[in-house]
């Protein structure tokens, strides 16, 4: 989803769950109550230690009005940098 800015630029409308909770002044416990999850579970999602189930991802997207989507749980900014550091030969058989 994108919003069109007056200058004609497209702006990213999605955010991480942690950003959403911060922007809306919601605790992990409160948000968890809204979607039927424990606050500790929400904490693990916001830190990337766990991913919600598909069913909970859909609840999160509905509860946030589409601001947090399932894709936010599969992408991390550090991932591109981490992947670049893996040598090309890792995982390949060499004779």
PDB file of N, CA and C in Angstrom:
ATOM      1  N   UNK A   1       0.844  -1.172   0.000  1.00  0.00           N
ATOM      2  CA  UNK A   1       0.000   0.000   0.000  1.00  0.00           C
ATOM      3  C   UNK A   1       0.887   1.232   0.000  1.00  0.00           C
ATOM      4  N   UNK A   2       0.495   2.196  -0.782  1.00  0.00           N
ATOM      5  CA  UNK A   2       1.268   3.414  -0.855  1.00  0.00           C
ATOM      6  C   UNK A   2       0.346   4.617  -0.759  1.00  0.00           C
ATOM      7  N   UNK A   3       0.830   5.654  -0.152  1.00  0.00           N
ATOM      8  CA  UNK A   3       0.131   6.932  -0.127  1.00  0.00           C
ATOM      9  C   UNK A   3       0.827   7.836  -1.130  1.00  0.00           C
ATOM     10  N   UNK A   4       0.073   8.624  -1.842  1.00  0.00           N
ATOM     11  CA  UNK A   4       0.676   9.572  -2.770  1.00  0.00           C
ATOM     12  C   UNK A   4       0.849  10.893  -2.050  1.00  0.00           C
ATOM     13  N   UNK A   5       2.085  11.361  -2.038  1.00  0.00           N
ATOM     14  CA  UNK A   5       2.405  12.633  -1.397  1.00  0.00           C
ATOM     15  C   UNK A   5       2.140  13.767  -2.368  1.00  0.00           C
ATOM     16  N   UNK A   6       1.931  14.980  -1.876  1.00  0.00           N
ATOM     17  CA  UNK A   6       1.662  16.117  -2.761  1.00  0.00           C
ATOM     18  C   UNK A   6       2.688  16.292  -3.859  1.00  0.00           C
ATOM     19  N   UNK A   7       3.948  15.987  -3.596  1.00  0.00           N
ATOM     20  CA  UNK A   7       4.991  16.159  -4.597  1.00  0.00           C
ATOM     21  C   UNK A   7       4.983  15.042  -5.635  1.00  0.00           C
ATOM     22  N   UNK A   8       4.071  14.086  -5.486  1.00  0.00           N
ATOM     23  CA  UNK A   8       3.976  12.999  -6.437  1.00  0.00           C
ATOM     24  C   UNK A   8       4.854  11.799  -6.100  1.00  0.00           C
ATOM     25  N   UNK A   9       5.536  11.837  -4.967  1.00  0.00           N
ATOM     26  CA  UNK A   9       6.369  10.720  -4.536  1.00  0.00           C
ATOM     27  C   UNK A   9       5.500   9.679  -3.838  1.00  0.00           C
ATOM     28  N   UNK A  10       5.931   8.440  -3.943  1.00  0.00           N
ATOM     29  CA  UNK A  10       5.233   7.372  -3.235  1.00  0.00           C
ATOM     30  C   UNK A  10       5.925   7.131  -1.905  1.00  0.00           C
ATOM     31  N   UNK A  11       5.160   6.963  -0.855  1.00  0.00           N
ATOM     32  CA  UNK A  11       5.718   6.709   0.473  1.00  0.00           C
ATOM     33  C   UNK A  11       5.273   5.336   0.963  1.00  0.00           C
ATOM     34  N   UNK A  12       6.150   4.627   1.608  1.00  0.00           N
ATOM     35  CA  UNK A  12       5.830   3.323   2.171  1.00  0.00           C
ATOM     36  C   UNK A  12       4.793   3.504   3.270  1.00  0.00           C
ATOM     37  N   UNK A  13       3.728   2.750   3.209  1.00  0.00           N
ATOM     38  CA  UNK A  13       2.665   2.861   4.189  1.00  0.00           C
ATOM     39  C   UNK A  13       2.762   1.783   5.261  1.00  0.00           C
ATOM     40  N   UNK A  14       3.544   0.747   5.003  1.00  0.00           N
ATOM     41  CA  UNK A  14       3.661  -0.348   5.964  1.00  0.00           C
ATOM     42  C   UNK A  14       4.688  -0.022   7.028  1.00  0.00           C
ATOM     43  N   UNK A  15       4.559  -0.681   8.165  1.00  0.00           N
ATOM     44  CA  UNK A  15       5.549  -0.540   9.229  1.00  0.00           C
ATOM     45  C   UNK A  15       5.649  -1.854   9.976  1.00  0.00           C
ATOM     46  N   UNK A  16       6.683  -1.951  10.780  1.00  0.00           N
ATOM     47  CA  UNK A  16       6.824  -3.154  11.600  1.00  0.00           C
ATOM     48  C   UNK A  16       5.825  -3.094  12.746  1.00  0.00           C
ATOM     49  N   UNK A  17       5.622  -4.234  13.381  1.00  0.00           N
ATOM     50  CA  UNK A  17       4.714  -4.269  14.522  1.00  0.00           C
ATOM     51  C   UNK A  17       5.248  -3.386  15.647  1.00  0.00           C
ATOM     52  N   UNK A  18       6.558  -3.414  15.877  1.00  0.00           N
ATOM     53  CA  UNK A  18       7.148  -2.577  16.930  1.00  0.00           C
ATOM     54  C   UNK A  18       6.899  -1.096  16.643  1.00  0.00           C
ATOM     55  N   UNK A  19       7.056  -0.687  15.390  1.00  0.00           N
ATOM     56  CA  UNK A  19       6.793   0.712  15.016  1.00  0.00           C
ATOM     57  C   UNK A  19       5.327   1.067  15.241  1.00  0.00           C
ATOM     58  N   UNK A  20       4.445   0.141  14.865  1.00  0.00           N
ATOM     59  CA  UNK A  20       3.011   0.391  15.036  1.00  0.00           C
ATOM     60  C   UNK A  20       2.664   0.562  16.509  1.00  0.00           C
ATOM     61  N   UNK A  21       3.170  -0.337  17.350  1.00  0.00           N
ATOM     62  CA  UNK A  21       2.865  -0.253  18.781  1.00  0.00           C
ATOM     63  C   UNK A  21       3.386   1.064  19.360  1.00  0.00           C
ATOM     64  N   UNK A  22       4.581   1.450  18.970  1.00  0.00           N
ATOM     65  CA  UNK A  22       5.160   2.694  19.463  1.00  0.00           C
ATOM     66  C   UNK A  22       4.351   3.904  18.987  1.00  0.00           C
ATOM     67  N   UNK A  23       4.039   3.933  17.718  1.00  0.00           N
ATOM     68  CA  UNK A  23       3.305   5.073  17.145  1.00  0.00           C
ATOM     69  C   UNK A  23       1.915   5.222  17.757  1.00  0.00           C
ATOM     70  N   UNK A  24       1.293   4.102  18.090  1.00  0.00           N
ATOM     71  CA  UNK A  24      -0.069   4.133  18.629  1.00  0.00           C
ATOM     72  C   UNK A  24      -0.111   4.003  20.149  1.00  0.00           C
ATOM     73  N   UNK A  25       1.075   4.073  20.765  1.00  0.00           N
ATOM     74  CA  UNK A  25       1.189   4.043  22.230  1.00  0.00           C
ATOM     75  C   UNK A  25       0.484   2.832  22.829  1.00  0.00           C
ATOM     76  N   UNK A  26       0.689   1.679  22.205  1.00  0.00           N
ATOM     77  CA  UNK A  26       0.089   0.430  22.679  1.00  0.00           C
ATOM     78  C   UNK A  26       1.159  -0.441  23.317  1.00  0.00           C
ATOM     79  N   UNK A  27       0.835  -1.050  24.436  1.00  0.00           N
ATOM     80  CA  UNK A  27       1.749  -2.016  25.036  1.00  0.00           C
ATOM     81  C   UNK A  27       1.594  -3.343  24.296  1.00  0.00           C
ATOM     82  N   UNK A  28       2.613  -4.179  24.430  1.00  0.00           N
ATOM     83  CA  UNK A  28       2.530  -5.509  23.833  1.00  0.00           C
ATOM     84  C   UNK A  28       1.379  -6.297  24.447  1.00  0.00           C
ATOM     85  N   UNK A  29       1.155  -6.124  25.749  1.00  0.00           N
ATOM     86  CA  UNK A  29       0.046  -6.812  26.414  1.00  0.00           C
ATOM     87  C   UNK A  29      -1.298  -6.364  25.860  1.00  0.00           C
ATOM     88  N   UNK A  30      -1.487  -5.056  25.694  1.00  0.00           N
ATOM     89  CA  UNK A  30      -2.761  -4.538  25.180  1.00  0.00           C
ATOM     90  C   UNK A  30      -3.012  -5.030  23.766  1.00  0.00           C
ATOM     91  N   UNK A  31      -1.989  -4.952  22.918  1.00  0.00           N
ATOM     92  CA  UNK A  31      -2.167  -5.410  21.545  1.00  0.00           C
ATOM     93  C   UNK A  31      -2.459  -6.909  21.529  1.00  0.00           C
ATOM     94  N   UNK A  32      -1.745  -7.663  22.368  1.00  0.00           N
ATOM     95  CA  UNK A  32      -1.993  -9.094  22.448  1.00  0.00           C
ATOM     96  C   UNK A  32      -3.430  -9.403  22.824  1.00  0.00           C
ATOM     97  N   UNK A  33      -3.981  -8.659  23.787  1.00  0.00           N
ATOM     98  CA  UNK A  33      -5.389  -8.861  24.175  1.00  0.00           C
ATOM     99  C   UNK A  33      -6.316  -8.620  22.988  1.00  0.00           C
ATOM    100  N   UNK A  34      -5.996  -7.637  22.170  1.00  0.00           N
ATOM    101  CA  UNK A  34      -6.851  -7.306  21.022  1.00  0.00           C
ATOM    102  C   UNK A  34      -6.910  -8.426  19.985  1.00  0.00           C
ATOM    103  N   UNK A  35      -5.837  -9.184  19.879  1.00  0.00           N
ATOM    104  CA  UNK A  35      -5.818 -10.237  18.857  1.00  0.00           C
ATOM    105  C   UNK A  35      -5.823 -11.650  19.434  1.00  0.00           C
ATOM    106  N   UNK A  36      -5.881 -11.767  20.755  1.00  0.00           N
ATOM    107  CA  UNK A  36      -5.935 -13.082  21.385  1.00  0.00           C
ATOM    108  C   UNK A  36      -4.584 -13.749  21.561  1.00  0.00           C
ATOM    109  N   UNK A  37      -3.558 -12.941  21.850  1.00  0.00           N
ATOM    110  CA  UNK A  37      -2.216 -13.492  22.082  1.00  0.00           C
ATOM    111  C   UNK A  37      -1.652 -12.903  23.370  1.00  0.00           C
ATOM    112  N   UNK A  38      -0.701 -13.593  23.969  1.00  0.00           N
ATOM    113  CA  UNK A  38      -0.060 -13.107  25.191  1.00  0.00           C
ATOM    114  C   UNK A  38       0.942 -12.002  24.860  1.00  0.00           C
ATOM    115  N   UNK A  39       1.153 -11.111  25.819  1.00  0.00           N
ATOM    116  CA  UNK A  39       2.115 -10.030  25.631  1.00  0.00           C
ATOM    117  C   UNK A  39       3.522 -10.534  25.359  1.00  0.00           C
ATOM    118  N   UNK A  40       3.916 -11.626  26.010  1.00  0.00           N
ATOM    119  CA  UNK A  40       5.231 -12.212  25.773  1.00  0.00           C
ATOM    120  C   UNK A  40       5.383 -12.727  24.352  1.00  0.00           C
ATOM    121  N   UNK A  41       4.288 -13.232  23.805  1.00  0.00           N
ATOM    122  CA  UNK A  41       4.294 -13.702  22.417  1.00  0.00           C
ATOM    123  C   UNK A  41       4.487 -12.525  21.481  1.00  0.00           C
ATOM    124  N   UNK A  42       3.777 -11.433  21.733  1.00  0.00           N
ATOM    125  CA  UNK A  42       3.926 -10.225  20.913  1.00  0.00           C
ATOM    126  C   UNK A  42       5.368  -9.729  21.003  1.00  0.00           C
ATOM    127  N   UNK A  43       5.963  -9.795  22.177  1.00  0.00           N
ATOM    128  CA  UNK A  43       7.363  -9.394  22.357  1.00  0.00           C
ATOM    129  C   UNK A  43       8.286 -10.204  21.448  1.00  0.00           C
ATOM    130  N   UNK A  44       8.071 -11.514  21.398  1.00  0.00           N
ATOM    131  CA  UNK A  44       8.912 -12.360  20.545  1.00  0.00           C
ATOM    132  C   UNK A  44       8.738 -12.019  19.074  1.00  0.00           C
ATOM    133  N   UNK A  45       7.533 -11.601  18.675  1.00  0.00           N
ATOM    134  CA  UNK A  45       7.329 -11.186  17.280  1.00  0.00           C
ATOM    135  C   UNK A  45       8.070  -9.890  16.989  1.00  0.00           C
ATOM    136  N   UNK A  46       7.994  -8.947  17.918  1.00  0.00           N
ATOM    137  CA  UNK A  46       8.600  -7.631  17.647  1.00  0.00           C
ATOM    138  C   UNK A  46      10.123  -7.706  17.630  1.00  0.00           C
ATOM    139  N   UNK A  47      10.703  -8.683  18.303  1.00  0.00           N
ATOM    140  CA  UNK A  47      12.158  -8.823  18.308  1.00  0.00           C
ATOM    141  C   UNK A  47      12.653  -9.791  17.239  1.00  0.00           C
ATOM    142  N   UNK A  48      11.729 -10.432  16.523  1.00  0.00           N
ATOM    143  CA  UNK A  48      12.109 -11.354  15.467  1.00  0.00           C
ATOM    144  C   UNK A  48      12.489 -12.744  15.946  1.00  0.00           C
ATOM    145  N   UNK A  49      12.279 -13.026  17.235  1.00  0.00           N
ATOM    146  CA  UNK A  49      12.609 -14.361  17.746  1.00  0.00           C
ATOM    147  C   UNK A  49      11.606 -15.407  17.289  1.00  0.00           C
ATOM    148  N   UNK A  50      10.398 -14.984  16.995  1.00  0.00           N
ATOM    149  CA  UNK A  50       9.336 -15.888  16.518  1.00  0.00           C
ATOM    150  C   UNK A  50       8.511 -15.147  15.468  1.00  0.00           C
ATOM    151  N   UNK A  51       7.791 -15.945  14.686  1.00  0.00           N
ATOM    152  CA  UNK A  51       6.829 -15.389  13.737  1.00  0.00           C
ATOM    153  C   UNK A  51       5.443 -15.849  14.146  1.00  0.00           C
ATOM    154  N   UNK A  52       4.454 -14.977  13.970  1.00  0.00           N
ATOM    155  CA  UNK A  52       3.076 -15.414  14.248  1.00  0.00           C
ATOM    156  C   UNK A  52       2.619 -16.432  13.201  1.00  0.00           C
ATOM    157  N   UNK A  53       1.602 -17.183  13.561  1.00  0.00           N
ATOM    158  CA  UNK A  53       0.991 -18.098  12.592  1.00  0.00           C
ATOM    159  C   UNK A  53       0.309 -17.266  11.511  1.00  0.00           C
ATOM    160  N   UNK A  54      -0.027 -17.897  10.413  1.00  0.00           N
ATOM    161  CA  UNK A  54      -0.722 -17.201   9.334  1.00  0.00           C
ATOM    162  C   UNK A  54      -2.036 -16.610   9.842  1.00  0.00           C
ATOM    163  N   UNK A  55      -2.750 -17.378  10.659  1.00  0.00           N
ATOM    164  CA  UNK A  55      -4.018 -16.884  11.219  1.00  0.00           C
ATOM    165  C   UNK A  55      -3.788 -15.608  12.032  1.00  0.00           C
ATOM    166  N   UNK A  56      -2.733 -15.601  12.862  1.00  0.00           N
ATOM    167  CA  UNK A  56      -2.454 -14.407  13.663  1.00  0.00           C
ATOM    168  C   UNK A  56      -1.928 -13.262  12.807  1.00  0.00           C
ATOM    169  N   UNK A  57      -1.183 -13.575  11.746  1.00  0.00           N
ATOM    170  CA  UNK A  57      -0.733 -12.514  10.836  1.00  0.00           C
ATOM    171  C   UNK A  57      -1.939 -11.794  10.240  1.00  0.00           C
ATOM    172  N   UNK A  58      -2.967 -12.564   9.890  1.00  0.00           N
ATOM    173  CA  UNK A  58      -4.178 -11.949   9.326  1.00  0.00           C
ATOM    174  C   UNK A  58      -4.869 -11.089  10.378  1.00  0.00           C
ATOM    175  N   UNK A  59      -4.904 -11.560  11.634  1.00  0.00           N
ATOM    176  CA  UNK A  59      -5.499 -10.762  12.714  1.00  0.00           C
ATOM    177  C   UNK A  59      -4.703  -9.482  12.944  1.00  0.00           C
ATOM    178  N   UNK A  60      -3.378  -9.583  12.887  1.00  0.00           N
ATOM    179  CA  UNK A  60      -2.521  -8.406  13.065  1.00  0.00           C
ATOM    180  C   UNK A  60      -2.800  -7.389  11.962  1.00  0.00           C
ATOM    181  N   UNK A  61      -2.884  -7.862  10.734  1.00  0.00           N
ATOM    182  CA  UNK A  61      -3.144  -6.945   9.618  1.00  0.00           C
ATOM    183  C   UNK A  61      -4.502  -6.259   9.789  1.00  0.00           C
ATOM    184  N   UNK A  62      -5.522  -7.012  10.184  1.00  0.00           N
ATOM    185  CA  UNK A  62      -6.847  -6.404  10.408  1.00  0.00           C
ATOM    186  C   UNK A  62      -6.812  -5.429  11.574  1.00  0.00           C
ATOM    187  N   UNK A  63      -6.157  -5.821  12.680  1.00  0.00           N
ATOM    188  CA  UNK A  63      -6.128  -4.982  13.878  1.00  0.00           C
ATOM    189  C   UNK A  63      -5.356  -3.689  13.654  1.00  0.00           C
ATOM    190  N   UNK A  64      -4.401  -3.703  12.717  1.00  0.00           N
ATOM    191  CA  UNK A  64      -3.599  -2.505  12.455  1.00  0.00           C
ATOM    192  C   UNK A  64      -4.095  -1.733  11.236  1.00  0.00           C
ATOM    193  N   UNK A  65      -5.228  -2.132  10.699  1.00  0.00           N
ATOM    194  CA  UNK A  65      -5.768  -1.439   9.533  1.00  0.00           C
ATOM    195  C   UNK A  65      -4.878  -1.555   8.305  1.00  0.00           C
ATOM    196  N   UNK A  66      -4.096  -2.643   8.237  1.00  0.00           N
ATOM    197  CA  UNK A  66      -3.231  -2.873   7.087  1.00  0.00           C
ATOM    198  C   UNK A  66      -1.847  -2.249   7.210  1.00  0.00           C
ATOM    199  N   UNK A  67      -1.578  -1.582   8.299  1.00  0.00           N
ATOM    200  CA  UNK A  67      -0.260  -0.952   8.484  1.00  0.00           C
ATOM    201  C   UNK A  67       0.826  -1.991   8.712  1.00  0.00           C
ATOM    202  N   UNK A  68       0.488  -3.104   9.352  1.00  0.00           N
ATOM    203  CA  UNK A  68       1.451  -4.191   9.557  1.00  0.00           C
ATOM    204  C   UNK A  68       0.928  -5.387   8.776  1.00  0.00           C
ATOM    205  N   UNK A  69       1.710  -5.844   7.816  1.00  0.00           N
ATOM    206  CA  UNK A  69       1.291  -6.961   6.966  1.00  0.00           C
ATOM    207  C   UNK A  69       2.173  -8.175   7.240  1.00  0.00           C
ATOM    208  N   UNK A  70       1.780  -9.311   6.718  1.00  0.00           N
ATOM    209  CA  UNK A  70       2.535 -10.546   6.911  1.00  0.00           C
ATOM    210  C   UNK A  70       3.964 -10.392   6.407  1.00  0.00           C
ATOM    211  N   UNK A  71       4.162  -9.631   5.349  1.00  0.00           N
ATOM    212  CA  UNK A  71       5.504  -9.488   4.786  1.00  0.00           C
ATOM    213  C   UNK A  71       6.475  -8.872   5.789  1.00  0.00           C
ATOM    214  N   UNK A  72       5.991  -8.096   6.723  1.00  0.00           N
ATOM    215  CA  UNK A  72       6.864  -7.463   7.717  1.00  0.00           C
ATOM    216  C   UNK A  72       7.531  -8.495   8.628  1.00  0.00           C
ATOM    217  N   UNK A  73       6.963  -9.696   8.708  1.00  0.00           N
ATOM    218  CA  UNK A  73       7.540 -10.723   9.564  1.00  0.00           C
ATOM    219  C   UNK A  73       8.567 -11.578   8.833  1.00  0.00           C
ATOM    220  N   UNK A  74       8.737 -11.347   7.539  1.00  0.00           N
ATOM    221  CA  UNK A  74       9.667 -12.144   6.742  1.00  0.00           C
ATOM    222  C   UNK A  74      10.838 -11.342   6.216  1.00  0.00           C
ATOM    223  N   UNK A  75      10.906 -10.059   6.495  1.00  0.00           N
ATOM    224  CA  UNK A  75      11.982  -9.207   6.010  1.00  0.00           C
ATOM    225  C   UNK A  75      12.614  -8.484   7.175  1.00  0.00           C
ATOM    226  N   UNK A  76      13.941  -8.465   7.182  1.00  0.00           N
ATOM    227  CA  UNK A  76      14.672  -7.712   8.199  1.00  0.00           C
ATOM    228  C   UNK A  76      15.717  -6.878   7.483  1.00  0.00           C
ATOM    229  N   UNK A  77      15.914  -5.633   7.866  1.00  0.00           N
ATOM    230  CA  UNK A  77      16.922  -4.797   7.207  1.00  0.00           C
ATOM    231  C   UNK A  77      18.310  -5.421   7.218  1.00  0.00           C
ATOM    232  N   UNK A  78      18.662  -6.125   8.279  1.00  0.00           N
ATOM    233  CA  UNK A  78      20.007  -6.686   8.377  1.00  0.00           C
ATOM    234  C   UNK A  78      20.201  -7.885   7.453  1.00  0.00           C
ATOM    235  N   UNK A  79      19.133  -8.483   7.000  1.00  0.00           N
ATOM    236  CA  UNK A  79      19.238  -9.708   6.227  1.00  0.00           C
ATOM    237  C   UNK A  79      20.078  -9.521   4.964  1.00  0.00           C
ATOM    238  N   UNK A  80      19.878  -8.447   4.221  1.00  0.00           N
ATOM    239  CA  UNK A  80      20.632  -8.228   2.996  1.00  0.00           C
ATOM    240  C   UNK A  80      22.120  -8.155   3.304  1.00  0.00           C
ATOM    241  N   UNK A  81      22.489  -7.460   4.359  1.00  0.00           N
ATOM    242  CA  UNK A  81      23.892  -7.337   4.746  1.00  0.00           C
ATOM    243  C   UNK A  81      24.450  -8.696   5.173  1.00  0.00           C
ATOM    244  N   UNK A  82      23.677  -9.451   5.940  1.00  0.00           N
ATOM    245  CA  UNK A  82      24.122 -10.760   6.392  1.00  0.00           C
ATOM    246  C   UNK A  82      24.321 -11.707   5.215  1.00  0.00           C
ATOM    247  N   UNK A  83      23.418 -11.674   4.255  1.00  0.00           N
ATOM    248  CA  UNK A  83      23.538 -12.548   3.097  1.00  0.00           C
ATOM    249  C   UNK A  83      24.761 -12.198   2.262  1.00  0.00           C
ATOM    250  N   UNK A  84      25.087 -10.922   2.180  1.00  0.00           N
ATOM    251  CA  UNK A  84      26.245 -10.486   1.400  1.00  0.00           C
ATOM    252  C   UNK A  84      27.544 -11.006   1.997  1.00  0.00           C
ATOM    253  N   UNK A  85      27.556 -11.295   3.297  1.00  0.00           N
ATOM    254  CA  UNK A  85      28.772 -11.765   3.964  1.00  0.00           C
ATOM    255  C   UNK A  85      28.992 -13.267   3.833  1.00  0.00           C
ATOM    256  N   UNK A  86      28.019 -14.004   3.331  1.00  0.00           N
ATOM    257  CA  UNK A  86      28.157 -15.453   3.192  1.00  0.00           C
ATOM    258  C   UNK A  86      28.982 -15.745   1.943  1.00  0.00           C
ATOM    259  N   UNK A  87      30.089 -16.473   2.085  1.00  0.00           N
ATOM    260  CA  UNK A  87      30.904 -16.797   0.911  1.00  0.00           C
ATOM    261  C   UNK A  87      30.092 -17.567  -0.121  1.00  0.00           C
ATOM    262  N   UNK A  88      30.404 -17.369  -1.386  1.00  0.00           N
ATOM    263  CA  UNK A  88      29.645 -17.989  -2.474  1.00  0.00           C
ATOM    264  C   UNK A  88      29.714 -19.513  -2.434  1.00  0.00           C
ATOM    265  N   UNK A  89      30.792 -20.073  -1.905  1.00  0.00           N
ATOM    266  CA  UNK A  89      30.953 -21.523  -1.931  1.00  0.00           C
ATOM    267  C   UNK A  89      30.194 -22.245  -0.821  1.00  0.00           C
ATOM    268  N   UNK A  90      29.609 -21.540   0.113  1.00  0.00           N
ATOM    269  CA  UNK A  90      28.895 -22.190   1.211  1.00  0.00           C
ATOM    270  C   UNK A  90      27.720 -22.984   0.655  1.00  0.00           C
ATOM    271  N   UNK A  91      27.634 -24.215   1.079  1.00  0.00           N
ATOM    272  CA  UNK A  91      26.532 -25.070   0.663  1.00  0.00           C
ATOM    273  C   UNK A  91      26.733 -25.791  -0.648  1.00  0.00           C
ATOM    274  N   UNK A  92      27.878 -25.589  -1.278  1.00  0.00           N
ATOM    275  CA  UNK A  92      28.160 -26.260  -2.541  1.00  0.00           C
ATOM    276  C   UNK A  92      29.205 -27.358  -2.323  1.00  0.00           C
ATOM    277  N   UNK A  93      29.075 -28.427  -3.078  1.00  0.00           N
ATOM    278  CA  UNK A  93      30.101 -29.484  -3.045  1.00  0.00           C
ATOM    279  C   UNK A  93      31.212 -29.088  -3.998  1.00  0.00           C
ATOM    280  N   UNK A  94      32.434 -29.201  -3.532  1.00  0.00           N
ATOM    281  CA  UNK A  94      33.586 -28.905  -4.383  1.00  0.00           C
ATOM    282  C   UNK A  94      34.408 -30.164  -4.568  1.00  0.00           C
ATOM    283  N   UNK A  95      34.848 -30.379  -5.791  1.00  0.00           N
ATOM    284  CA  UNK A  95      35.658 -31.578  -6.084  1.00  0.00           C
ATOM    285  C   UNK A  95      37.096 -31.356  -5.708  1.00  0.00           C
TER     286      UNK A  95
END
